[in-house]
Protein backbone atom coordinates (compact mmCIF):
# COMPACT_ATOMS: atom_id res chain seq x y z
CA MET A 1 76.97 150.36 152.01
CA VAL A 2 77.42 152.75 149.12
CA HIS A 3 77.87 151.20 145.70
CA THR A 4 79.39 153.08 142.79
CA GLY A 5 80.53 152.15 139.33
CA GLU A 6 84.16 152.67 140.36
CA ARG A 7 86.53 149.80 140.89
CA SER A 8 87.47 149.12 144.46
CA HIS A 9 89.52 146.44 146.13
CA THR A 10 87.47 143.56 147.50
CA PRO A 11 89.49 141.25 149.75
CA LEU A 12 88.73 137.64 148.96
CA PRO A 13 87.10 136.13 152.05
CA GLU A 14 87.57 132.61 153.34
CA LEU A 15 84.17 130.91 153.19
CA SER A 16 83.38 127.62 154.91
CA GLY A 17 80.24 125.53 155.06
CA HIS A 18 78.50 122.46 153.62
CA GLY A 19 81.80 120.56 153.98
CA LEU A 20 83.69 123.00 151.76
CA HIS A 21 86.32 125.68 152.20
CA LEU A 22 86.53 128.48 149.64
CA GLY A 23 89.60 130.67 149.49
CA PRO A 24 92.12 132.16 147.06
CA TRP A 25 94.09 130.29 144.43
CA ASP A 26 97.85 130.66 144.86
CA PRO A 27 99.75 131.20 141.57
CA ASP A 28 102.98 130.30 143.38
CA SER A 29 101.66 126.91 144.51
CA ASP A 30 102.57 124.05 142.17
CA ALA A 31 99.60 122.07 143.48
CA ASP A 32 97.18 124.93 142.69
CA VAL A 33 98.70 125.40 139.24
CA GLU A 34 98.32 121.68 138.55
CA ALA A 35 94.67 121.66 139.73
CA TRP A 36 93.90 124.75 137.63
CA LEU A 37 95.51 123.15 134.57
CA ARG A 38 93.61 119.89 135.06
CA GLY A 39 90.33 121.73 135.50
CA LEU A 40 90.66 123.89 132.39
CA SER A 41 92.03 121.13 130.15
CA ASP A 42 89.50 118.48 131.23
CA PRO A 43 87.50 117.21 128.21
CA GLU A 44 84.16 117.62 130.00
CA PHE A 45 85.00 121.24 130.88
CA ARG A 46 86.12 121.89 127.30
CA ARG A 47 82.91 120.33 125.98
CA TRP A 48 80.88 123.11 127.57
CA ASN A 49 83.36 126.01 127.76
CA THR A 50 85.79 127.68 125.38
CA PRO A 51 87.96 130.10 127.35
CA LEU A 52 89.04 133.31 125.63
CA VAL A 53 92.63 132.46 126.60
CA LEU A 54 93.47 128.77 126.44
CA VAL A 55 95.32 127.08 129.28
CA THR A 56 97.40 124.23 127.88
CA ASP A 57 100.44 123.79 130.14
CA ARG A 58 101.79 124.75 133.58
CA ASP A 59 103.18 128.08 132.37
CA SER A 60 99.87 129.20 130.88
CA ALA A 61 98.03 127.90 133.97
CA ARG A 62 100.27 129.96 136.29
CA LYS A 63 99.83 133.01 134.05
CA SER A 64 96.05 132.52 134.14
CA LEU A 65 96.04 132.32 137.96
CA ARG A 66 98.11 135.51 138.17
CA SER A 67 95.56 137.21 135.93
CA LYS A 68 92.79 136.06 138.29
CA ALA A 69 94.73 137.53 141.23
CA ARG A 70 94.92 140.89 139.41
CA ASP A 71 91.16 140.79 138.83
CA ILE A 72 90.66 140.26 142.55
CA ALA A 73 92.95 143.19 143.31
CA ASP A 74 90.96 145.57 141.11
CA GLY A 75 87.59 144.16 142.19
CA THR A 76 86.32 143.09 138.76
CA SER A 77 86.15 139.34 139.40
CA LEU A 78 86.65 137.10 142.43
CA SER A 79 87.98 133.56 141.98
CA PHE A 80 87.63 130.94 144.71
CA ARG A 81 89.50 127.67 145.05
CA VAL A 82 86.90 125.12 146.20
CA ALA A 83 88.41 122.59 148.60
CA ASP A 84 87.33 119.87 150.98
CA GLU A 85 86.86 121.53 154.37
CA THR A 86 88.58 118.68 156.23
CA THR A 87 91.48 117.71 153.97
CA GLY A 88 92.05 120.92 152.01
CA THR A 89 92.10 118.94 148.76
CA ALA A 90 91.19 121.05 145.72
CA LEU A 91 87.82 120.08 144.26
CA GLY A 92 87.12 122.84 141.76
CA HIS A 93 86.57 126.53 141.18
CA ILE A 94 83.81 129.12 141.49
CA GLY A 95 83.99 132.74 140.43
CA VAL A 96 81.97 135.91 140.88
CA ASN A 97 82.72 137.64 137.59
CA GLU A 98 82.03 140.85 135.68
CA ILE A 99 81.12 142.66 138.89
CA ASN A 100 79.12 145.82 138.21
CA ARG A 101 78.96 147.75 141.46
CA GLY A 102 76.71 150.43 140.03
CA LEU A 103 73.99 147.92 139.16
CA ARG A 104 74.97 145.56 142.03
CA LEU A 105 75.19 142.78 139.47
CA ALA A 106 77.64 139.96 138.71
CA ARG A 107 77.88 136.64 136.87
CA VAL A 108 78.83 133.37 138.50
CA GLY A 109 80.59 130.38 136.97
CA TYR A 110 82.03 127.14 138.31
CA TRP A 111 83.73 123.88 137.42
CA VAL A 112 84.56 120.72 139.35
CA LEU A 113 87.54 118.41 138.93
CA PRO A 114 86.66 114.99 137.45
CA GLU A 115 87.34 113.03 140.65
CA ALA A 116 85.04 115.31 142.67
CA ARG A 117 81.98 115.13 140.42
CA GLY A 118 78.74 113.55 141.57
CA ARG A 119 79.17 114.77 145.16
CA GLY A 120 77.20 118.03 145.01
CA VAL A 121 80.37 120.15 145.08
CA ALA A 122 79.13 122.76 142.59
CA THR A 123 75.74 123.04 144.30
CA ARG A 124 77.31 123.50 147.73
CA ALA A 125 79.89 126.01 146.44
CA LEU A 126 77.24 128.00 144.59
CA ALA A 127 75.04 128.13 147.70
CA LEU A 128 77.97 129.49 149.74
CA VAL A 129 79.08 132.05 147.18
CA ALA A 130 75.58 133.30 146.41
CA HIS A 131 74.83 133.88 150.09
CA TRP A 132 78.08 135.79 150.52
CA ALA A 133 77.63 137.81 147.31
CA PHE A 134 74.26 139.07 148.54
CA THR A 135 75.07 139.58 152.21
CA GLY A 136 78.81 140.34 152.19
CA LEU A 137 79.38 141.93 148.80
CA GLY A 138 76.01 143.68 148.73
CA LEU A 139 74.97 142.55 145.26
CA HIS A 140 71.32 142.51 144.19
CA ARG A 141 71.40 140.21 141.15
CA LEU A 142 73.52 137.21 140.21
CA GLU A 143 73.39 135.78 136.71
CA LEU A 144 74.45 132.31 135.64
CA GLY A 145 74.75 131.20 132.03
CA HIS A 146 75.49 127.76 130.62
CA ALA A 147 75.58 126.24 127.16
CA LEU A 148 72.27 124.94 125.88
CA GLY A 149 72.14 121.22 126.61
CA HIS A 150 74.31 121.32 129.73
CA ASP A 151 71.61 119.73 131.85
CA ALA A 152 73.80 119.17 134.92
CA SER A 153 74.59 122.89 135.17
CA CYS A 154 70.91 123.69 134.65
CA ARG A 155 69.95 121.48 137.61
CA ILE A 156 72.64 123.05 139.82
CA ALA A 157 71.39 126.54 139.00
CA GLU A 158 67.76 125.70 139.74
CA ARG A 159 68.67 123.83 142.93
CA CYS A 160 70.34 127.02 144.20
CA GLY A 161 67.41 129.27 143.36
CA PHE A 162 68.66 130.62 140.02
CA ARG A 163 65.50 130.82 137.94
CA TYR A 164 65.59 130.16 134.22
CA GLU A 165 64.95 133.49 132.47
CA GLY A 166 65.42 132.67 128.80
CA THR A 167 67.76 131.61 126.03
CA LEU A 168 70.45 133.96 124.74
CA ARG A 169 71.14 133.36 121.08
CA ASP A 170 74.75 132.84 120.02
CA ALA A 171 76.05 134.09 123.38
CA MET A 172 79.11 131.86 123.74
CA TRP A 173 81.66 130.01 121.62
CA GLU A 174 81.04 126.52 120.33
CA ALA A 175 83.21 123.85 121.95
CA GLU A 176 86.88 124.14 120.94
CA ARG A 177 86.12 126.97 118.48
CA GLN A 178 86.28 130.73 118.37
CA ASP A 179 84.65 131.15 114.99
CA ALA A 180 81.17 129.76 115.73
CA PHE A 181 78.60 130.40 118.43
CA ARG A 182 76.00 128.53 120.46
CA ASP A 183 73.02 129.46 122.58
CA VAL A 184 73.10 129.96 126.34
CA HIS A 185 70.49 129.36 129.03
CA LEU A 186 70.31 132.39 131.33
CA HIS A 187 69.46 131.86 134.99
CA ALA A 188 69.39 134.55 137.67
CA ARG A 189 68.77 134.98 141.36
CA LEU A 190 67.93 138.18 143.24
CA ALA A 191 68.86 139.05 146.79
CA THR A 192 65.12 139.39 147.45
CA ASP A 193 64.23 135.90 146.19
CA ALA A 194 63.01 133.49 148.83
CA VAL A 195 65.30 130.50 148.43
CA ASP A 196 65.46 127.33 150.51
CA ILE A 197 68.60 125.38 149.65
CA GLU A 198 69.66 122.06 151.11
CA PRO A 199 72.93 121.23 149.32
């Protein structure tokens, strides 16, 4: 596979395994819009993340999902709806973001709906997406950053073979603010890393 710095369309695959199904979000689905809104407005999500564009109602949620679909179309970011493999119920989100095809590098991020927490959803979704990003997308390095103090995200990263590489100073917004910064733990995993994951 030849990798260049140019944008190219990457069809979003349907990934299944570990009891999960990962596929596209549908901006025209009221259920998907509602799940997206609940995820991005959840207090626990907002405690650790301050989106550049806030999602506060169904209209802004639908607009946000349409923006994600455009990112998929131009190959810059890929957003997966994480669902229960049996029921199809939405459980959360995982994205492969800021894709740099020249360096074969991307960043991953995820969130889980409140009712689905404590069931290993993020760990299982990250294991699926990382495997696909290395074998299907041909990436060499995946980075994962989380706010300092977000111990649950730190454990998920390490469980999936994303080694802690250091602390980035003032690398993300403080909670609910866009005028103050906080530090970020940087984790990363390489395609060549030997990783044994049991989600």
